[in-house]
N, C-alpha and C. Protein backbone atom coordinates (compact mmCIF):
# COMPACT_ATOMS: atom_id res chain seq x y z
N MET A 1 2.28 10.79 -31.98
CA MET A 1 2.06 12.11 -31.44
C MET A 1 2.53 13.19 -32.41
N ARG A 2 3.69 12.98 -33.02
CA ARG A 2 4.25 14.05 -33.86
C ARG A 2 3.43 14.27 -35.12
N ASN A 3 2.66 13.29 -35.53
CA ASN A 3 1.87 13.43 -36.74
C ASN A 3 0.45 13.90 -36.49
N LYS A 4 0.08 14.11 -35.24
CA LYS A 4 -1.28 14.56 -34.93
C LYS A 4 -1.62 15.84 -35.69
N TRP A 5 -0.70 16.80 -35.71
CA TRP A 5 -0.97 18.06 -36.40
C TRP A 5 -0.86 17.88 -37.91
N ALA A 6 0.18 17.19 -38.34
CA ALA A 6 0.43 17.04 -39.77
C ALA A 6 -0.69 16.28 -40.48
N ILE A 7 -1.21 15.25 -39.83
CA ILE A 7 -2.21 14.40 -40.47
C ILE A 7 -3.63 14.75 -40.06
N GLU A 8 -3.86 14.88 -38.75
CA GLU A 8 -5.22 15.07 -38.24
C GLU A 8 -5.57 16.51 -37.93
N LYS A 9 -4.59 17.43 -38.01
CA LYS A 9 -4.80 18.84 -37.67
C LYS A 9 -5.30 19.00 -36.24
N VAL A 10 -4.76 18.14 -35.35
CA VAL A 10 -5.09 18.18 -33.93
C VAL A 10 -3.88 18.73 -33.19
N LEU A 11 -4.07 19.82 -32.47
CA LEU A 11 -3.01 20.42 -31.68
C LEU A 11 -3.08 19.87 -30.27
N LEU A 12 -2.01 19.21 -29.83
CA LEU A 12 -1.99 18.59 -28.52
C LEU A 12 -1.47 19.55 -27.47
N ASP A 13 -1.98 19.40 -26.26
CA ASP A 13 -1.54 20.18 -25.13
C ASP A 13 -0.09 19.81 -24.79
N PRO A 14 0.78 20.80 -24.53
CA PRO A 14 2.18 20.50 -24.21
C PRO A 14 2.35 19.56 -23.02
N PHE A 15 1.45 19.65 -22.00
CA PHE A 15 1.54 18.75 -20.85
C PHE A 15 1.28 17.31 -21.28
N GLN A 16 0.33 17.12 -22.21
CA GLN A 16 0.03 15.78 -22.68
C GLN A 16 1.24 15.20 -23.42
N VAL A 17 1.86 16.00 -24.28
CA VAL A 17 3.02 15.55 -25.03
C VAL A 17 4.17 15.21 -24.08
N ALA A 18 4.42 16.08 -23.10
CA ALA A 18 5.50 15.86 -22.15
C ALA A 18 5.25 14.60 -21.32
N ASN A 19 4.02 14.44 -20.82
CA ASN A 19 3.70 13.27 -20.00
C ASN A 19 3.86 11.98 -20.82
N ASN A 20 3.41 12.00 -22.07
CA ASN A 20 3.55 10.83 -22.92
C ASN A 20 5.03 10.51 -23.16
N ALA A 21 5.83 11.54 -23.41
CA ALA A 21 7.26 11.33 -23.64
C ALA A 21 7.94 10.76 -22.41
N ILE A 22 7.61 11.30 -21.24
CA ILE A 22 8.20 10.80 -20.00
C ILE A 22 7.83 9.35 -19.76
N ASN A 23 6.54 9.02 -19.92
CA ASN A 23 6.08 7.65 -19.69
C ASN A 23 6.64 6.68 -20.72
N THR A 24 6.84 7.15 -21.95
CA THR A 24 7.35 6.28 -23.01
C THR A 24 8.83 5.98 -22.81
N PHE A 25 9.62 7.02 -22.48
CA PHE A 25 11.06 6.85 -22.43
C PHE A 25 11.62 6.65 -21.03
N LYS A 26 10.80 6.70 -19.99
CA LYS A 26 11.27 6.56 -18.62
C LYS A 26 12.07 5.28 -18.41
N PRO A 27 11.62 4.11 -18.93
CA PRO A 27 12.41 2.90 -18.70
C PRO A 27 13.79 2.96 -19.35
N CYS A 28 13.99 3.82 -20.33
CA CYS A 28 15.25 3.90 -21.05
C CYS A 28 16.21 4.91 -20.45
N LEU A 29 15.72 5.78 -19.58
CA LEU A 29 16.54 6.86 -19.05
C LEU A 29 17.27 6.43 -17.78
N PRO A 30 18.52 6.87 -17.60
CA PRO A 30 19.21 6.57 -16.34
C PRO A 30 18.59 7.38 -15.22
N VAL A 31 18.56 6.81 -14.03
CA VAL A 31 17.99 7.50 -12.88
C VAL A 31 19.04 8.44 -12.32
N SER A 32 18.65 9.71 -12.17
CA SER A 32 19.58 10.69 -11.59
C SER A 32 18.94 11.29 -10.35
N GLY A 33 19.64 11.21 -9.24
CA GLY A 33 19.10 11.76 -8.00
C GLY A 33 18.00 10.88 -7.43
N GLU A 34 17.38 11.37 -6.39
CA GLU A 34 16.32 10.63 -5.74
C GLU A 34 14.97 11.01 -6.35
N PRO A 35 14.18 10.03 -6.79
CA PRO A 35 12.87 10.36 -7.33
C PRO A 35 11.93 10.77 -6.20
N SER A 36 10.88 11.52 -6.56
CA SER A 36 9.93 11.97 -5.56
C SER A 36 8.81 10.94 -5.37
N PHE A 37 8.94 9.79 -5.99
CA PHE A 37 7.95 8.74 -5.86
C PHE A 37 8.69 7.43 -5.64
N THR A 38 7.97 6.41 -5.24
CA THR A 38 8.57 5.13 -4.95
C THR A 38 8.69 4.31 -6.23
N LEU A 39 9.88 3.84 -6.53
CA LEU A 39 10.08 2.97 -7.68
C LEU A 39 9.98 1.52 -7.22
N HIS A 40 9.25 0.73 -7.96
CA HIS A 40 9.11 -0.69 -7.65
C HIS A 40 9.58 -1.49 -8.85
N LYS A 41 10.25 -2.59 -8.61
CA LYS A 41 10.71 -3.41 -9.71
C LYS A 41 9.62 -4.38 -10.17
N ALA A 42 8.67 -4.65 -9.32
CA ALA A 42 7.63 -5.61 -9.67
C ALA A 42 6.76 -5.07 -10.79
N ARG A 43 6.26 -5.96 -11.63
CA ARG A 43 5.42 -5.57 -12.74
C ARG A 43 3.94 -5.70 -12.38
N CYS A 44 3.63 -6.27 -11.24
CA CYS A 44 2.23 -6.43 -10.87
C CYS A 44 1.89 -5.50 -9.70
N TRP A 45 0.61 -5.34 -9.49
CA TRP A 45 0.11 -4.47 -8.43
C TRP A 45 0.62 -4.97 -7.08
N GLN A 46 0.97 -4.04 -6.21
CA GLN A 46 1.49 -4.42 -4.89
C GLN A 46 0.48 -4.08 -3.80
N VAL A 47 0.36 -4.96 -2.84
CA VAL A 47 -0.57 -4.81 -1.73
C VAL A 47 -0.13 -3.62 -0.87
N PRO A 48 -1.08 -2.81 -0.41
CA PRO A 48 -0.71 -1.70 0.47
C PRO A 48 -0.32 -2.22 1.86
N PRO A 49 0.42 -1.42 2.62
CA PRO A 49 0.77 -1.81 3.99
C PRO A 49 -0.48 -1.99 4.85
N SER A 50 -0.32 -2.67 5.93
CA SER A 50 -1.43 -2.94 6.85
C SER A 50 -2.12 -1.64 7.25
N GLY A 51 -3.45 -1.63 7.18
CA GLY A 51 -4.24 -0.47 7.58
C GLY A 51 -4.49 0.52 6.46
N PHE A 52 -3.77 0.39 5.34
CA PHE A 52 -3.93 1.29 4.20
C PHE A 52 -4.85 0.68 3.15
N TYR A 53 -5.47 1.54 2.39
CA TYR A 53 -6.19 1.16 1.19
C TYR A 53 -5.45 1.80 0.03
N LYS A 54 -5.55 1.17 -1.14
CA LYS A 54 -4.88 1.72 -2.32
C LYS A 54 -5.90 2.05 -3.39
N LEU A 55 -5.83 3.29 -3.87
CA LEU A 55 -6.72 3.76 -4.94
C LEU A 55 -5.89 3.95 -6.21
N ASN A 56 -6.22 3.21 -7.25
CA ASN A 56 -5.59 3.37 -8.55
C ASN A 56 -6.58 4.04 -9.49
N VAL A 57 -6.12 5.05 -10.23
CA VAL A 57 -6.99 5.79 -11.14
C VAL A 57 -6.38 5.84 -12.53
N ASP A 58 -7.25 5.99 -13.54
CA ASP A 58 -6.77 6.15 -14.91
C ASP A 58 -7.82 6.90 -15.72
N ALA A 59 -7.35 7.74 -16.61
CA ALA A 59 -8.22 8.46 -17.54
C ALA A 59 -7.74 8.16 -18.95
N ALA A 60 -8.66 7.81 -19.82
CA ALA A 60 -8.34 7.55 -21.23
C ALA A 60 -9.03 8.60 -22.08
N LEU A 61 -8.23 9.41 -22.76
CA LEU A 61 -8.75 10.49 -23.59
C LEU A 61 -8.59 10.16 -25.06
N PHE A 62 -9.62 10.48 -25.81
CA PHE A 62 -9.60 10.29 -27.24
C PHE A 62 -10.06 11.60 -27.86
N PHE A 63 -9.07 12.49 -28.13
CA PHE A 63 -9.37 13.83 -28.61
C PHE A 63 -10.13 13.80 -29.93
N TYR A 64 -9.75 12.89 -30.81
CA TYR A 64 -10.38 12.86 -32.13
C TYR A 64 -11.86 12.47 -32.03
N LEU A 65 -12.25 11.78 -30.98
CA LEU A 65 -13.66 11.43 -30.74
C LEU A 65 -14.32 12.38 -29.74
N LYS A 66 -13.50 13.25 -29.15
CA LYS A 66 -13.97 14.18 -28.12
C LYS A 66 -14.65 13.43 -26.97
N LYS A 67 -13.97 12.36 -26.51
CA LYS A 67 -14.52 11.54 -25.44
C LYS A 67 -13.45 11.23 -24.41
N VAL A 68 -13.93 11.06 -23.17
CA VAL A 68 -13.07 10.69 -22.05
C VAL A 68 -13.73 9.55 -21.30
N ARG A 69 -12.94 8.58 -20.94
CA ARG A 69 -13.44 7.47 -20.13
C ARG A 69 -12.47 7.30 -18.96
N VAL A 70 -13.03 7.06 -17.77
CA VAL A 70 -12.19 6.95 -16.58
C VAL A 70 -12.51 5.67 -15.81
N GLY A 71 -11.51 5.23 -15.06
CA GLY A 71 -11.67 4.05 -14.23
C GLY A 71 -10.91 4.24 -12.94
N ALA A 72 -11.41 3.62 -11.88
CA ALA A 72 -10.74 3.67 -10.58
C ALA A 72 -11.06 2.41 -9.81
N VAL A 73 -10.10 1.99 -8.99
CA VAL A 73 -10.30 0.80 -8.17
C VAL A 73 -9.70 1.05 -6.79
N LEU A 74 -10.42 0.65 -5.76
CA LEU A 74 -9.96 0.75 -4.37
C LEU A 74 -9.82 -0.66 -3.82
N ARG A 75 -8.62 -0.98 -3.32
CA ARG A 75 -8.37 -2.30 -2.76
C ARG A 75 -7.75 -2.18 -1.38
N ASP A 76 -7.95 -3.21 -0.57
CA ASP A 76 -7.40 -3.20 0.79
C ASP A 76 -6.14 -4.05 0.87
N GLY A 77 -5.61 -4.18 2.08
CA GLY A 77 -4.38 -4.93 2.30
C GLY A 77 -4.52 -6.42 2.13
N LYS A 78 -5.73 -6.91 1.94
CA LYS A 78 -5.96 -8.35 1.69
C LYS A 78 -6.21 -8.61 0.21
N ARG A 79 -5.93 -7.61 -0.63
CA ARG A 79 -6.14 -7.68 -2.08
C ARG A 79 -7.62 -7.66 -2.46
N GLU A 80 -8.49 -7.41 -1.49
CA GLU A 80 -9.93 -7.40 -1.77
C GLU A 80 -10.31 -6.09 -2.46
N MET A 81 -11.17 -6.21 -3.48
CA MET A 81 -11.66 -5.05 -4.19
C MET A 81 -12.81 -4.46 -3.38
N VAL A 82 -12.62 -3.26 -2.87
CA VAL A 82 -13.62 -2.58 -2.06
C VAL A 82 -14.59 -1.84 -2.96
N MET A 83 -14.04 -1.19 -4.00
CA MET A 83 -14.85 -0.39 -4.92
C MET A 83 -14.17 -0.36 -6.28
N ALA A 84 -14.98 -0.42 -7.32
CA ALA A 84 -14.48 -0.23 -8.68
C ALA A 84 -15.50 0.62 -9.42
N VAL A 85 -15.02 1.48 -10.30
CA VAL A 85 -15.93 2.35 -11.03
C VAL A 85 -15.43 2.56 -12.46
N SER A 86 -16.37 2.57 -13.39
CA SER A 86 -16.13 2.95 -14.78
C SER A 86 -17.07 4.11 -15.05
N LYS A 87 -16.56 5.17 -15.68
CA LYS A 87 -17.40 6.34 -15.91
C LYS A 87 -17.10 6.94 -17.28
N ALA A 88 -18.18 7.26 -17.98
CA ALA A 88 -18.08 7.99 -19.25
C ALA A 88 -18.22 9.46 -18.90
N GLU A 89 -17.13 10.22 -19.08
CA GLU A 89 -17.15 11.65 -18.77
C GLU A 89 -17.63 12.44 -19.97
N ASN A 90 -18.36 13.51 -19.70
CA ASN A 90 -18.84 14.38 -20.77
C ASN A 90 -17.93 15.57 -21.00
N GLU A 91 -17.05 15.84 -20.06
CA GLU A 91 -16.13 16.97 -20.18
C GLU A 91 -14.84 16.48 -20.82
N LEU A 92 -14.27 17.29 -21.69
CA LEU A 92 -13.01 16.94 -22.31
C LEU A 92 -11.97 17.97 -21.93
N HIS A 93 -11.01 17.55 -21.11
CA HIS A 93 -9.92 18.41 -20.67
C HIS A 93 -8.61 17.76 -21.09
N ASP A 94 -7.51 18.39 -20.74
CA ASP A 94 -6.21 17.78 -21.00
C ASP A 94 -6.06 16.55 -20.11
N PRO A 95 -5.17 15.62 -20.48
CA PRO A 95 -5.03 14.37 -19.72
C PRO A 95 -4.72 14.57 -18.24
N GLU A 96 -3.86 15.53 -17.93
CA GLU A 96 -3.49 15.74 -16.54
C GLU A 96 -4.68 16.22 -15.72
N SER A 97 -5.46 17.13 -16.27
CA SER A 97 -6.65 17.61 -15.56
C SER A 97 -7.65 16.48 -15.36
N MET A 98 -7.83 15.64 -16.37
CA MET A 98 -8.77 14.52 -16.24
C MET A 98 -8.31 13.56 -15.16
N GLU A 99 -7.01 13.29 -15.11
CA GLU A 99 -6.47 12.39 -14.08
C GLU A 99 -6.75 12.99 -12.69
N LEU A 100 -6.57 14.30 -12.55
CA LEU A 100 -6.83 14.97 -11.27
C LEU A 100 -8.32 14.96 -10.94
N ILE A 101 -9.18 15.12 -11.94
CA ILE A 101 -10.63 15.07 -11.71
C ILE A 101 -11.04 13.69 -11.21
N VAL A 102 -10.46 12.65 -11.80
CA VAL A 102 -10.75 11.28 -11.32
C VAL A 102 -10.31 11.12 -9.88
N MET A 103 -9.10 11.60 -9.56
CA MET A 103 -8.60 11.53 -8.18
C MET A 103 -9.55 12.25 -7.23
N LEU A 104 -9.91 13.46 -7.61
CA LEU A 104 -10.78 14.30 -6.78
C LEU A 104 -12.11 13.62 -6.49
N ARG A 105 -12.78 13.15 -7.52
CA ARG A 105 -14.11 12.51 -7.34
C ARG A 105 -14.03 11.22 -6.54
N ARG A 106 -13.00 10.42 -6.77
CA ARG A 106 -12.89 9.16 -6.03
C ARG A 106 -12.50 9.41 -4.58
N LEU A 107 -11.62 10.37 -4.33
CA LEU A 107 -11.26 10.69 -2.94
C LEU A 107 -12.48 11.22 -2.19
N GLN A 108 -13.30 12.03 -2.84
CA GLN A 108 -14.54 12.52 -2.20
C GLN A 108 -15.43 11.34 -1.81
N PHE A 109 -15.55 10.37 -2.69
CA PHE A 109 -16.37 9.19 -2.43
C PHE A 109 -15.79 8.35 -1.30
N ILE A 110 -14.48 8.13 -1.34
CA ILE A 110 -13.82 7.29 -0.34
C ILE A 110 -13.91 7.88 1.06
N LEU A 111 -13.83 9.20 1.15
CA LEU A 111 -13.97 9.84 2.47
C LEU A 111 -15.30 9.47 3.12
N GLN A 112 -16.34 9.32 2.31
CA GLN A 112 -17.66 8.95 2.83
C GLN A 112 -17.70 7.52 3.38
N LEU A 113 -16.73 6.70 2.98
CA LEU A 113 -16.66 5.31 3.45
C LEU A 113 -15.97 5.19 4.81
N GLY A 114 -15.39 6.28 5.29
CA GLY A 114 -14.72 6.27 6.59
C GLY A 114 -13.31 5.72 6.55
N ILE A 115 -12.71 5.65 5.38
CA ILE A 115 -11.34 5.17 5.24
C ILE A 115 -10.39 6.27 5.72
N SER A 116 -9.38 5.89 6.52
CA SER A 116 -8.50 6.91 7.10
C SER A 116 -7.08 6.92 6.53
N LYS A 117 -6.66 5.81 5.90
CA LYS A 117 -5.30 5.74 5.36
C LYS A 117 -5.37 5.33 3.89
N ILE A 118 -4.79 6.17 3.03
CA ILE A 118 -4.93 5.93 1.59
C ILE A 118 -3.60 6.10 0.86
N ILE A 119 -3.39 5.24 -0.11
CA ILE A 119 -2.29 5.40 -1.06
C ILE A 119 -2.96 5.63 -2.41
N LEU A 120 -2.65 6.75 -3.02
CA LEU A 120 -3.20 7.12 -4.32
C LEU A 120 -2.15 6.83 -5.38
N GLU A 121 -2.49 6.01 -6.37
CA GLU A 121 -1.55 5.68 -7.44
C GLU A 121 -2.11 6.10 -8.78
N SER A 122 -1.22 6.68 -9.59
CA SER A 122 -1.58 7.12 -10.93
C SER A 122 -0.39 6.89 -11.85
N ASP A 123 -0.67 6.68 -13.14
CA ASP A 123 0.42 6.55 -14.10
C ASP A 123 0.77 7.90 -14.74
N SER A 124 0.20 8.98 -14.23
CA SER A 124 0.53 10.32 -14.69
C SER A 124 1.68 10.87 -13.83
N LEU A 125 2.88 10.68 -14.30
CA LEU A 125 4.07 11.08 -13.56
C LEU A 125 4.06 12.58 -13.23
N LEU A 126 3.68 13.41 -14.18
CA LEU A 126 3.67 14.86 -13.94
C LEU A 126 2.74 15.24 -12.79
N MET A 127 1.56 14.61 -12.73
CA MET A 127 0.61 14.97 -11.68
C MET A 127 1.03 14.40 -10.33
N VAL A 128 1.62 13.22 -10.31
CA VAL A 128 2.12 12.65 -9.05
C VAL A 128 3.22 13.55 -8.49
N GLU A 129 4.15 13.96 -9.35
CA GLU A 129 5.23 14.84 -8.89
C GLU A 129 4.68 16.19 -8.45
N ALA A 130 3.68 16.72 -9.16
CA ALA A 130 3.09 18.00 -8.78
C ALA A 130 2.38 17.90 -7.43
N LEU A 131 1.68 16.79 -7.18
CA LEU A 131 1.01 16.60 -5.89
C LEU A 131 2.03 16.46 -4.77
N ASN A 132 3.11 15.75 -5.03
CA ASN A 132 4.13 15.55 -4.00
C ASN A 132 4.97 16.79 -3.77
N ALA A 133 5.01 17.71 -4.72
CA ALA A 133 5.81 18.93 -4.58
C ALA A 133 5.26 19.83 -3.48
N ASN A 134 3.97 19.73 -3.22
CA ASN A 134 3.33 20.50 -2.14
C ASN A 134 3.61 22.00 -2.23
N GLN A 135 3.58 22.53 -3.42
CA GLN A 135 3.75 23.97 -3.58
C GLN A 135 2.70 24.49 -4.54
N GLU A 136 2.43 25.77 -4.46
CA GLU A 136 1.46 26.42 -5.32
C GLU A 136 1.85 26.20 -6.77
N SER A 137 0.87 25.87 -7.60
CA SER A 137 1.15 25.66 -9.02
C SER A 137 0.41 26.71 -9.84
N LEU A 138 1.12 27.31 -10.77
CA LEU A 138 0.52 28.29 -11.67
C LEU A 138 0.10 27.65 -12.99
N SER A 139 0.16 26.34 -13.06
CA SER A 139 -0.22 25.63 -14.28
C SER A 139 -1.73 25.63 -14.44
N LEU A 140 -2.18 25.12 -15.58
CA LEU A 140 -3.62 24.98 -15.83
C LEU A 140 -4.29 24.13 -14.75
N GLN A 141 -3.53 23.21 -14.18
CA GLN A 141 -4.08 22.28 -13.19
C GLN A 141 -3.94 22.79 -11.75
N GLY A 142 -3.49 24.02 -11.56
CA GLY A 142 -3.21 24.54 -10.22
C GLY A 142 -4.35 24.40 -9.24
N ASN A 143 -5.56 24.79 -9.64
CA ASN A 143 -6.71 24.69 -8.73
C ASN A 143 -7.08 23.25 -8.43
N LEU A 144 -7.01 22.39 -9.43
CA LEU A 144 -7.30 20.97 -9.20
C LEU A 144 -6.27 20.34 -8.27
N LEU A 145 -5.00 20.68 -8.46
CA LEU A 145 -3.95 20.17 -7.57
C LEU A 145 -4.24 20.59 -6.13
N LYS A 146 -4.63 21.85 -5.95
CA LYS A 146 -4.95 22.37 -4.62
C LYS A 146 -6.12 21.60 -4.00
N GLU A 147 -7.15 21.31 -4.79
CA GLU A 147 -8.32 20.57 -4.30
C GLU A 147 -7.97 19.13 -3.92
N VAL A 148 -7.18 18.47 -4.76
CA VAL A 148 -6.79 17.09 -4.45
C VAL A 148 -5.94 17.05 -3.19
N ARG A 149 -4.98 17.97 -3.07
CA ARG A 149 -4.15 18.04 -1.85
C ARG A 149 -5.02 18.27 -0.61
N SER A 150 -5.98 19.16 -0.74
CA SER A 150 -6.88 19.47 0.38
C SER A 150 -7.63 18.22 0.82
N LEU A 151 -8.14 17.44 -0.14
CA LEU A 151 -8.84 16.19 0.19
C LEU A 151 -7.89 15.17 0.81
N LEU A 152 -6.69 15.08 0.29
CA LEU A 152 -5.73 14.13 0.85
C LEU A 152 -5.43 14.43 2.31
N HIS A 153 -5.43 15.70 2.69
CA HIS A 153 -5.17 16.08 4.08
C HIS A 153 -6.33 15.73 5.01
N CYS A 154 -7.46 15.34 4.45
CA CYS A 154 -8.59 14.89 5.28
C CYS A 154 -8.37 13.47 5.80
N PHE A 155 -7.42 12.77 5.20
CA PHE A 155 -7.09 11.41 5.64
C PHE A 155 -6.06 11.47 6.76
N GLU A 156 -6.12 10.49 7.66
CA GLU A 156 -5.16 10.40 8.76
C GLU A 156 -3.74 10.25 8.22
N ASP A 157 -3.59 9.43 7.18
CA ASP A 157 -2.29 9.21 6.55
C ASP A 157 -2.53 9.01 5.06
N GLN A 158 -1.65 9.57 4.24
CA GLN A 158 -1.83 9.46 2.80
C GLN A 158 -0.48 9.48 2.09
N LYS A 159 -0.45 8.83 0.94
CA LYS A 159 0.74 8.82 0.08
C LYS A 159 0.25 8.92 -1.36
N VAL A 160 1.04 9.57 -2.19
CA VAL A 160 0.75 9.64 -3.62
C VAL A 160 1.95 9.04 -4.33
N GLN A 161 1.70 8.04 -5.17
CA GLN A 161 2.78 7.31 -5.82
C GLN A 161 2.54 7.21 -7.31
N HIS A 162 3.64 7.25 -8.06
CA HIS A 162 3.57 6.98 -9.49
C HIS A 162 3.61 5.46 -9.67
N VAL A 163 2.85 4.99 -10.64
CA VAL A 163 2.83 3.57 -10.96
C VAL A 163 2.92 3.46 -12.48
N CYS A 164 3.72 2.53 -12.96
CA CYS A 164 3.82 2.38 -14.41
C CYS A 164 2.51 1.79 -14.94
N ARG A 165 2.29 1.98 -16.21
CA ARG A 165 1.01 1.56 -16.81
C ARG A 165 0.73 0.07 -16.62
N SER A 166 1.78 -0.74 -16.66
CA SER A 166 1.56 -2.19 -16.53
C SER A 166 1.06 -2.55 -15.13
N ARG A 167 1.31 -1.71 -14.13
CA ARG A 167 0.82 -1.96 -12.77
C ARG A 167 -0.47 -1.21 -12.49
N ASN A 168 -1.00 -0.54 -13.49
CA ASN A 168 -2.26 0.19 -13.33
C ASN A 168 -3.33 -0.41 -14.24
N GLN A 169 -3.15 -1.69 -14.58
CA GLN A 169 -4.01 -2.35 -15.56
C GLN A 169 -5.48 -2.40 -15.17
N VAL A 170 -5.78 -2.63 -13.91
CA VAL A 170 -7.19 -2.75 -13.51
C VAL A 170 -7.91 -1.42 -13.73
N ALA A 171 -7.30 -0.32 -13.30
CA ALA A 171 -7.91 1.00 -13.52
C ALA A 171 -8.03 1.28 -15.01
N ASN A 172 -7.02 0.88 -15.78
CA ASN A 172 -7.05 1.07 -17.23
C ASN A 172 -8.17 0.26 -17.87
N THR A 173 -8.34 -0.98 -17.43
CA THR A 173 -9.41 -1.84 -17.96
C THR A 173 -10.77 -1.26 -17.61
N LEU A 174 -10.91 -0.72 -16.41
CA LEU A 174 -12.17 -0.07 -16.01
C LEU A 174 -12.45 1.15 -16.90
N ALA A 175 -11.41 1.91 -17.23
CA ALA A 175 -11.59 3.07 -18.12
C ALA A 175 -12.02 2.59 -19.51
N LYS A 176 -11.41 1.53 -20.00
CA LYS A 176 -11.78 0.99 -21.31
C LYS A 176 -13.22 0.46 -21.30
N HIS A 177 -13.62 -0.15 -20.19
CA HIS A 177 -15.00 -0.66 -20.08
C HIS A 177 -16.02 0.47 -20.21
N ALA A 178 -15.63 1.66 -19.79
CA ALA A 178 -16.55 2.80 -19.84
C ALA A 178 -16.99 3.13 -21.26
N TRP A 179 -16.30 2.60 -22.27
CA TRP A 179 -16.74 2.81 -23.66
C TRP A 179 -18.07 2.12 -23.93
N SER A 180 -18.38 1.10 -23.15
CA SER A 180 -19.60 0.33 -23.39
C SER A 180 -20.79 0.80 -22.53
N ILE A 181 -20.61 1.89 -21.78
CA ILE A 181 -21.70 2.39 -20.94
C ILE A 181 -21.97 3.86 -21.27
N SER A 182 -23.12 4.36 -20.83
CA SER A 182 -23.47 5.75 -21.15
C SER A 182 -23.17 6.71 -19.99
N ASP A 183 -23.02 6.19 -18.78
CA ASP A 183 -22.77 7.08 -17.65
C ASP A 183 -21.76 6.46 -16.68
N THR A 184 -22.26 5.79 -15.62
CA THR A 184 -21.39 5.27 -14.57
C THR A 184 -21.82 3.87 -14.17
N GLU A 185 -20.84 3.01 -13.93
CA GLU A 185 -21.09 1.71 -13.31
C GLU A 185 -20.20 1.63 -12.09
N LEU A 186 -20.79 1.26 -10.96
CA LEU A 186 -20.08 1.20 -9.69
C LEU A 186 -20.27 -0.18 -9.07
N TRP A 187 -19.18 -0.77 -8.61
CA TRP A 187 -19.22 -2.06 -7.94
C TRP A 187 -18.66 -1.87 -6.54
N MET A 188 -19.41 -2.30 -5.54
CA MET A 188 -18.97 -2.20 -4.14
C MET A 188 -18.85 -3.61 -3.58
N GLY A 189 -17.62 -3.98 -3.19
CA GLY A 189 -17.39 -5.28 -2.58
C GLY A 189 -17.47 -6.46 -3.52
N THR A 190 -17.61 -6.21 -4.81
CA THR A 190 -17.65 -7.29 -5.80
C THR A 190 -16.68 -6.95 -6.93
N ILE A 191 -16.27 -7.99 -7.63
CA ILE A 191 -15.37 -7.81 -8.77
C ILE A 191 -16.22 -7.70 -10.03
N PRO A 192 -16.03 -6.68 -10.84
CA PRO A 192 -16.77 -6.59 -12.09
C PRO A 192 -16.54 -7.86 -12.92
N PRO A 193 -17.60 -8.36 -13.57
CA PRO A 193 -17.49 -9.63 -14.28
C PRO A 193 -16.39 -9.66 -15.35
N PHE A 194 -16.12 -8.54 -16.00
CA PHE A 194 -15.10 -8.52 -17.06
C PHE A 194 -13.68 -8.53 -16.50
N LEU A 195 -13.53 -8.41 -15.17
CA LEU A 195 -12.21 -8.49 -14.54
C LEU A 195 -11.95 -9.86 -13.94
N SER A 196 -12.96 -10.69 -13.84
CA SER A 196 -12.81 -12.02 -13.20
C SER A 196 -11.92 -12.93 -13.99
């Protein structure tokens, strides 16, 4: 990150740098106070409580290529994959905004499925904390945060949780798969072949 400007003449967004630093050094930092998200010791994905569905999202940005790829997966309490999506995005925003855009689009889709209880998981600590803060944000992502919160309130019950990257692997793999497609691939009720 520190050499992006020196070598590539790429100026990174401060939110991107901060989020990367937090995610990189979080395991090394002592925990102070109560976190606003649930910490889990397990390294693998955890099943949602009965009646809930879990949506994991990830956005992979490559500024030097001016490309964004996103992935999302919806699973139920029986570990069944309800929906998976890989999408090649044409818009290039900061990482936090892209993560929120993925959340927004997938929540809009999930509402159409009639799901009433959702747990939204992301490895973007800053955006999870911002969503859980439930206060007006004057940041660049303020309007997106407001839209995602508004959609979350359409569900009977909802939770937003931070998840470490190692527990967000399926969404990450779906985002990586989007490099091999030109638009969108959607799987409903089936596991994508590259995840089997």
